[in-house]
Amino acid sequence: MASQLSWQIKCSMCLSDFTDPVMLSCEHSFCRQCITGHLRSSGGQGRCPECRRPYAEQDLHSSRLLRNMTGVVRQHLTSQQDQTDTSSTRAPPVLSDMLVCADHDEKLKLFCETDQKLLCVVCRDGEKHQGHHFKPVKEAAQIVKGKLKGALGFLNNEDTQLEVMTQKQATEVTKTQMKANQLSAQISAQFEEMHNFLKKKEAEIKQQLETQEQDAVSAMCKNMSLINERMMEGNELECIFQSALDINQPDYFLKWWNEKGFPVTERMKTKNNMNPNIKYESGAKALRVIPHSLFFGPYETHLQFFVWKAMLGAVKP
């Protein structure tokens, strides 16, 4: 009962007992200092914090009834508290777990959408935040979580693309290795018809083929490492974003967003992109799958001819 009475005399902006209460035309009441400060920060075009109905300074009307009621209820609650304090079964005060402003020692109940940071009501009315847009922490947390979910969804989609690219690149590596094996068998079959010179030539040409294969596979494996690296970076961000979305306290979540989440998602956004439908910069676009391109030159199609010409210089008549 006492908590219900106490709530009836509290200003919804500062969450303290009414001080010089005024009533707007929409019949919502606030402390004069709170609502006039809100009006100044809005550039003289204020909206009721409760119902968002527009109001001007001339719409502020002193509420004598509410001021008197606040005094009576406060006196009653003080008397009741004095009686409670004398009791041996006095309950310990409930401590709030909300973050506190380091400058004003006030609870951080607001989130500045302009600066993307937590504020108290005193910070809101300061010159530093004149003309900025504010949201209660719970409402702001839901909005920011929505943005973070969008970034997480983007990473999920990109992860799928990168996984497909990895599979394709692995297939190309297999094709290259198969091609090399086929050429090796072809070379061996043709050199079986020759003697010592041809055996030596066979070994030389196989060494050339192996070098080409190593170069081709090395380039593909390096490219696949880049793809996997980008995918791992995306997976790491996915884990971080998912963990952040599990933060239940709005203020702690927004503190994380200000320090880590917002800078990271800003870096993910596209730059100088004329397409409004593309919001984030894809790391997959800078990557590509290297196709197998192993080519053994004239030895692949005219092996015997060139070996025969080489053999002519070595064979004595």
Protein backbone atom coordinates (compact mmCIF):
# COMPACT_ATOMS: atom_id res chain seq x y z
CA MET A 1 0.00 0.00 0.00
CA ALA A 2 2.81 2.39 0.90
CA SER A 3 4.61 1.71 -2.37
CA GLN A 4 1.41 2.41 -4.31
CA LEU A 5 0.94 5.74 -2.52
CA SER A 6 4.59 6.62 -3.09
CA TRP A 7 4.26 5.92 -6.81
CA GLN A 8 1.25 8.24 -7.11
CA ILE A 9 3.34 11.27 -6.08
CA LYS A 10 6.37 10.54 -8.27
CA CYS A 11 7.27 12.36 -11.48
CA SER A 12 7.62 9.88 -14.36
CA MET A 13 10.63 11.80 -15.71
CA CYS A 14 12.89 12.03 -12.66
CA LEU A 15 11.16 9.24 -10.67
CA SER A 16 11.28 11.43 -7.56
CA ASP A 17 8.46 13.05 -5.59
CA PHE A 18 6.77 15.93 -7.43
CA THR A 19 8.44 19.32 -6.96
CA ASP A 20 6.28 22.29 -8.01
CA PRO A 21 4.04 19.98 -10.10
CA VAL A 22 2.42 21.26 -13.30
CA MET A 23 -0.24 19.67 -15.50
CA LEU A 24 -0.29 19.67 -19.31
CA SER A 25 -3.43 19.97 -21.42
CA CYS A 26 -3.33 16.19 -21.84
CA GLU A 27 -3.72 15.95 -18.01
CA HIS A 28 -0.33 14.35 -17.41
CA SER A 29 1.68 15.89 -14.56
CA PHE A 30 5.43 16.44 -14.11
CA CYS A 31 7.85 18.51 -12.04
CA ARG A 32 8.08 22.00 -13.49
CA GLN A 33 11.87 21.76 -13.75
CA CYS A 34 11.70 18.37 -15.51
CA ILE A 35 9.12 19.34 -18.13
CA THR A 36 10.61 22.79 -18.84
CA GLY A 37 14.05 21.22 -19.23
CA HIS A 38 12.53 18.71 -21.64
CA LEU A 39 10.95 21.61 -23.55
CA ARG A 40 14.28 23.45 -23.84
CA SER A 41 16.11 20.35 -25.03
CA SER A 42 13.43 19.90 -27.72
CA GLY A 43 14.00 23.39 -29.11
CA GLY A 44 10.69 24.75 -27.82
CA GLN A 45 8.64 22.04 -29.56
CA GLY A 46 8.04 19.55 -26.78
CA ARG A 47 5.95 16.41 -26.69
CA CYS A 48 4.43 14.90 -23.58
CA PRO A 49 6.78 12.11 -22.38
CA GLU A 50 3.71 10.01 -21.55
CA CYS A 51 1.42 10.34 -24.60
CA ARG A 52 3.67 12.26 -27.08
CA ARG A 53 1.06 15.01 -27.47
CA PRO A 54 2.63 18.38 -28.45
CA TYR A 55 2.77 21.12 -25.80
CA ALA A 56 4.16 24.63 -25.38
CA GLU A 57 5.30 26.60 -22.34
CA GLN A 58 1.88 28.28 -22.00
CA ASP A 59 0.33 24.82 -21.61
CA LEU A 60 2.04 24.35 -18.21
CA HIS A 61 -0.50 24.89 -15.42
CA SER A 62 0.41 24.69 -11.73
CA SER A 63 -1.40 21.87 -9.93
CA ARG A 64 -2.11 23.04 -6.40
CA LEU A 65 -4.13 19.92 -5.68
CA LEU A 66 -1.27 17.61 -6.68
CA ARG A 67 1.24 19.72 -4.72
CA ASN A 68 -0.92 19.49 -1.58
CA MET A 69 -1.53 15.79 -2.10
CA THR A 70 2.22 15.22 -2.50
CA GLY A 71 2.89 16.91 0.80
CA VAL A 72 0.20 14.94 2.63
CA VAL A 73 1.29 11.59 1.19
CA ARG A 74 4.96 12.33 1.88
CA GLN A 75 4.13 13.22 5.49
CA HIS A 76 2.09 10.04 5.85
CA LEU A 77 4.82 7.87 4.38
CA THR A 78 7.46 9.53 6.57
CA SER A 79 5.39 8.84 9.66
CA GLN A 80 4.85 5.26 8.58
CA GLN A 81 8.57 4.84 7.90
CA ASP A 82 9.43 6.17 11.37
CA GLN A 83 7.19 3.51 12.87
CA THR A 84 8.82 0.85 10.74
CA ASP A 85 12.32 1.99 11.74
CA THR A 86 11.50 1.35 15.41
CA SER A 87 10.54 -2.22 14.67
CA SER A 88 13.12 -4.94 15.29
CA THR A 89 12.03 -6.70 12.14
CA ARG A 90 12.96 -3.83 9.85
CA ALA A 91 13.64 -5.12 6.32
CA PRO A 92 16.83 -4.05 4.56
CA PRO A 93 16.39 -1.47 1.78
CA VAL A 94 16.17 -2.80 -1.74
CA LEU A 95 19.14 -1.61 -3.73
CA SER A 96 18.74 -0.80 -7.39
CA ASP A 97 21.02 -2.57 -9.85
CA MET A 98 20.79 0.23 -12.43
CA LEU A 99 23.99 1.95 -13.52
CA VAL A 100 24.71 5.38 -12.01
CA CYS A 101 25.98 8.49 -13.81
CA ALA A 102 29.60 9.17 -12.85
CA ASP A 103 29.10 12.93 -13.18
CA HIS A 104 25.80 13.43 -11.34
CA ASP A 105 25.35 10.26 -9.24
CA GLU A 106 21.92 9.78 -10.83
CA LYS A 107 20.54 6.58 -12.31
CA LEU A 108 21.14 6.18 -16.04
CA LYS A 109 17.52 5.99 -17.13
CA LEU A 110 17.84 7.47 -20.62
CA PHE A 111 19.65 6.57 -23.84
CA CYS A 112 20.80 9.33 -26.21
CA GLU A 113 20.09 8.13 -29.74
CA THR A 114 22.26 10.91 -31.16
CA ASP A 115 25.42 9.99 -29.19
CA GLN A 116 24.50 6.31 -28.65
CA LYS A 117 25.21 6.46 -24.90
CA LEU A 118 23.46 6.18 -21.53
CA LEU A 119 22.47 9.39 -19.71
CA CYS A 120 20.80 10.54 -16.54
CA VAL A 121 18.04 13.19 -16.50
CA VAL A 122 20.58 15.86 -15.50
CA CYS A 123 22.80 15.04 -18.49
CA ARG A 124 19.77 15.22 -20.76
CA ASP A 125 19.06 18.85 -19.80
CA GLY A 126 22.69 19.94 -20.22
CA GLU A 127 24.02 21.96 -23.15
CA LYS A 128 26.02 19.00 -24.42
CA HIS A 129 22.84 17.17 -25.41
CA GLN A 130 20.71 20.09 -26.61
CA GLY A 131 18.48 19.03 -29.50
CA HIS A 132 19.35 15.33 -29.13
CA HIS A 133 16.81 12.50 -29.21
CA PHE A 134 16.33 10.31 -26.14
CA LYS A 135 14.63 7.03 -25.29
CA PRO A 136 14.01 5.21 -21.98
CA VAL A 137 16.61 2.48 -21.54
CA LYS A 138 14.14 -0.38 -21.95
CA GLU A 139 12.72 0.99 -25.17
CA ALA A 140 16.18 1.91 -26.48
CA ALA A 141 17.52 -1.55 -25.65
CA GLN A 142 14.79 -3.17 -27.74
CA ILE A 143 15.55 -0.86 -30.68
CA VAL A 144 19.30 -1.44 -30.48
CA LYS A 145 18.82 -5.18 -30.09
CA GLY A 146 16.79 -5.06 -33.28
CA LYS A 147 19.75 -3.44 -35.05
CA LEU A 148 22.12 -6.00 -33.62
CA LYS A 149 19.85 -8.83 -34.75
CA GLY A 150 20.03 -7.39 -38.26
CA ALA A 151 23.83 -7.49 -38.13
CA LEU A 152 23.72 -11.03 -36.75
CA GLY A 153 21.41 -12.13 -39.55
CA PHE A 154 23.81 -10.65 -42.09
CA LEU A 155 26.69 -12.62 -40.58
CA ASN A 156 24.62 -15.82 -40.64
CA ASN A 157 23.93 -15.39 -44.35
CA GLU A 158 27.54 -14.57 -45.12
CA ASP A 159 28.68 -17.59 -43.15
CA THR A 160 26.55 -19.78 -45.43
CA GLN A 161 28.10 -18.18 -48.53
CA LEU A 162 31.63 -18.66 -47.23
CA GLU A 163 30.95 -22.29 -46.36
CA VAL A 164 29.76 -22.93 -49.93
CA MET A 165 32.88 -21.21 -51.29
CA THR A 166 35.07 -23.42 -49.09
CA GLN A 167 33.41 -26.55 -50.42
CA LYS A 168 33.82 -25.37 -54.03
CA GLN A 169 37.47 -24.51 -53.47
CA ALA A 170 38.09 -27.96 -51.97
CA THR A 171 36.52 -29.48 -55.10
CA GLU A 172 38.85 -27.45 -57.31
CA VAL A 173 41.85 -28.67 -55.32
CA THR A 174 40.70 -32.25 -55.90
CA LYS A 175 40.29 -31.59 -59.63
CA THR A 176 43.80 -30.16 -59.82
CA GLN A 177 45.27 -33.14 -58.02
CA MET A 178 43.32 -35.55 -60.25
CA LYS A 179 44.54 -33.75 -63.36
CA ALA A 180 48.10 -33.97 -62.12
CA ASN A 181 47.70 -37.70 -61.47
CA GLN A 182 46.29 -38.23 -64.96
CA LEU A 183 49.22 -36.42 -66.56
CA SER A 184 51.65 -38.37 -64.43
CA ALA A 185 50.18 -41.67 -65.63
CA GLN A 186 50.23 -40.46 -69.25
CA ILE A 187 53.86 -39.46 -69.01
CA SER A 188 54.81 -42.77 -67.41
CA ALA A 189 53.04 -44.79 -70.13
CA GLN A 190 54.81 -42.94 -72.93
CA PHE A 191 58.26 -43.08 -71.36
CA GLU A 192 58.00 -46.84 -70.84
CA GLU A 193 58.91 -47.20 -74.54
CA MET A 194 62.23 -45.47 -74.07
CA HIS A 195 65.47 -46.52 -72.41
CA ASN A 196 67.94 -44.78 -70.10
CA PHE A 197 67.70 -41.36 -71.71
CA LEU A 198 63.92 -41.52 -71.70
CA LYS A 199 63.89 -42.60 -68.04
CA LYS A 200 65.96 -39.56 -67.15
CA LYS A 201 63.75 -37.30 -69.29
CA GLU A 202 60.68 -38.75 -67.66
CA ALA A 203 61.96 -37.84 -64.22
CA GLU A 204 62.79 -34.29 -65.35
CA ILE A 205 59.35 -33.67 -66.82
CA LYS A 206 57.60 -35.16 -63.79
CA GLN A 207 59.53 -32.76 -61.62
CA GLN A 208 58.28 -29.86 -63.72
CA LEU A 209 54.73 -31.12 -63.40
CA GLU A 210 55.07 -31.48 -59.65
CA THR A 211 56.31 -27.92 -59.38
CA GLN A 212 53.31 -26.64 -61.35
CA GLU A 213 50.96 -28.71 -59.22
CA GLN A 214 52.50 -27.42 -56.00
CA ASP A 215 52.28 -23.83 -57.20
CA ALA A 216 48.64 -24.23 -58.26
CA VAL A 217 47.56 -26.07 -55.11
CA SER A 218 49.54 -23.66 -52.92
CA ALA A 219 47.69 -20.68 -54.40
CA MET A 220 44.34 -22.40 -53.95
CA CYS A 221 45.09 -23.46 -50.37
CA LYS A 222 46.19 -19.92 -49.55
CA ASN A 223 42.94 -18.60 -51.00
CA MET A 224 40.97 -21.17 -49.04
CA SER A 225 42.78 -20.03 -45.87
CA LEU A 226 41.66 -16.45 -46.57
CA ILE A 227 38.08 -17.65 -47.00
CA ASN A 228 38.25 -19.65 -43.75
CA GLU A 229 39.82 -16.69 -41.96
CA ARG A 230 36.95 -14.43 -43.02
CA MET A 231 34.46 -17.09 -41.98
CA MET A 232 36.13 -17.45 -38.57
CA GLU A 233 36.01 -13.68 -38.08
CA GLY A 234 32.32 -13.75 -38.91
CA ASN A 235 31.73 -16.68 -36.53
CA GLU A 236 33.53 -14.83 -33.75
CA LEU A 237 31.35 -11.76 -34.27
CA GLU A 238 28.27 -13.98 -34.35
CA CYS A 239 29.17 -15.42 -30.94
CA ILE A 240 29.86 -11.95 -29.53
CA PHE A 241 26.59 -10.52 -30.89
CA GLN A 242 24.59 -13.53 -29.70
CA SER A 243 26.09 -13.24 -26.21
CA ALA A 244 25.26 -9.52 -26.19
CA LEU A 245 21.64 -10.24 -27.11
CA ASP A 246 21.42 -12.48 -24.04
CA ILE A 247 22.21 -9.56 -21.72
CA ASN A 248 18.95 -8.99 -19.83
CA GLN A 249 19.76 -5.64 -18.20
CA PRO A 250 19.11 -2.88 -20.75
CA ASP A 251 21.65 -0.51 -19.26
CA TYR A 252 24.46 -3.09 -19.21
CA PHE A 253 23.54 -4.08 -22.75
CA LEU A 254 23.63 -0.46 -23.94
CA LYS A 255 26.93 0.09 -22.15
CA TRP A 256 28.33 -2.86 -24.13
CA TRP A 257 26.76 -1.42 -27.31
CA ASN A 258 28.41 1.96 -26.74
CA GLU A 259 31.84 0.50 -26.02
CA LYS A 260 31.96 -2.43 -28.45
CA GLY A 261 28.80 -3.23 -30.41
CA PHE A 262 28.18 0.13 -32.09
CA PRO A 263 31.79 0.60 -33.38
CA VAL A 264 31.85 -2.97 -34.77
CA THR A 265 28.48 -2.73 -36.58
CA GLU A 266 29.46 0.68 -37.95
CA ARG A 267 32.60 -0.84 -39.46
CA MET A 268 30.43 -3.56 -41.02
CA LYS A 269 28.29 -1.04 -42.89
CA THR A 270 28.79 -0.33 -46.57
CA LYS A 271 30.60 2.84 -47.59
CA ASN A 272 29.77 4.92 -50.66
CA ASN A 273 27.14 2.41 -51.74
CA MET A 274 24.32 3.85 -53.87
CA ASN A 275 22.05 0.85 -53.26
CA PRO A 276 19.95 1.58 -50.13
CA ASN A 277 18.98 -2.09 -49.83
CA ILE A 278 22.57 -3.14 -49.10
CA LYS A 279 23.32 -2.15 -45.50
CA TYR A 280 26.46 -4.10 -44.65
CA GLU A 281 29.72 -4.60 -46.51
CA SER A 282 30.19 -8.24 -47.48
CA GLY A 283 33.64 -9.65 -46.87
CA ALA A 284 32.85 -12.44 -49.34
CA LYS A 285 32.77 -10.00 -52.26
CA ALA A 286 36.50 -9.40 -51.98
CA LEU A 287 37.16 -13.14 -52.27
CA ARG A 288 36.87 -15.54 -55.20
CA VAL A 289 37.25 -19.23 -55.94
CA ILE A 290 40.40 -19.97 -57.95
CA PRO A 291 39.55 -22.56 -60.66
CA HIS A 292 41.95 -25.35 -61.57
CA SER A 293 44.18 -24.19 -64.41
CA LEU A 294 46.95 -26.74 -64.56
CA PHE A 295 48.43 -26.76 -68.07
CA PHE A 296 51.53 -28.68 -69.03
CA GLY A 297 52.25 -26.75 -72.18
CA PRO A 298 53.44 -28.63 -75.27
CA TYR A 299 54.35 -31.69 -73.18
CA GLU A 300 50.65 -32.26 -72.47
CA THR A 301 49.65 -32.67 -76.14
CA HIS A 302 52.91 -33.28 -78.02
CA LEU A 303 55.03 -35.05 -75.46
CA GLN A 304 56.57 -37.67 -77.74
CA PHE A 305 57.44 -35.15 -80.44
CA PHE A 306 59.36 -32.84 -78.16
CA VAL A 307 61.00 -35.69 -76.31
CA TRP A 308 61.91 -37.25 -79.64
CA LYS A 309 63.53 -33.98 -80.73
CA ALA A 310 65.43 -33.84 -77.46
CA MET A 311 66.42 -37.46 -77.85
CA LEU A 312 67.83 -36.77 -81.35
CA GLY A 313 70.49 -34.54 -79.84
CA ALA A 314 71.41 -37.14 -77.27
CA VAL A 315 71.26 -40.29 -79.37
CA LYS A 316 74.41 -41.02 -81.24
CA PRO A 317 73.95 -42.37 -84.78
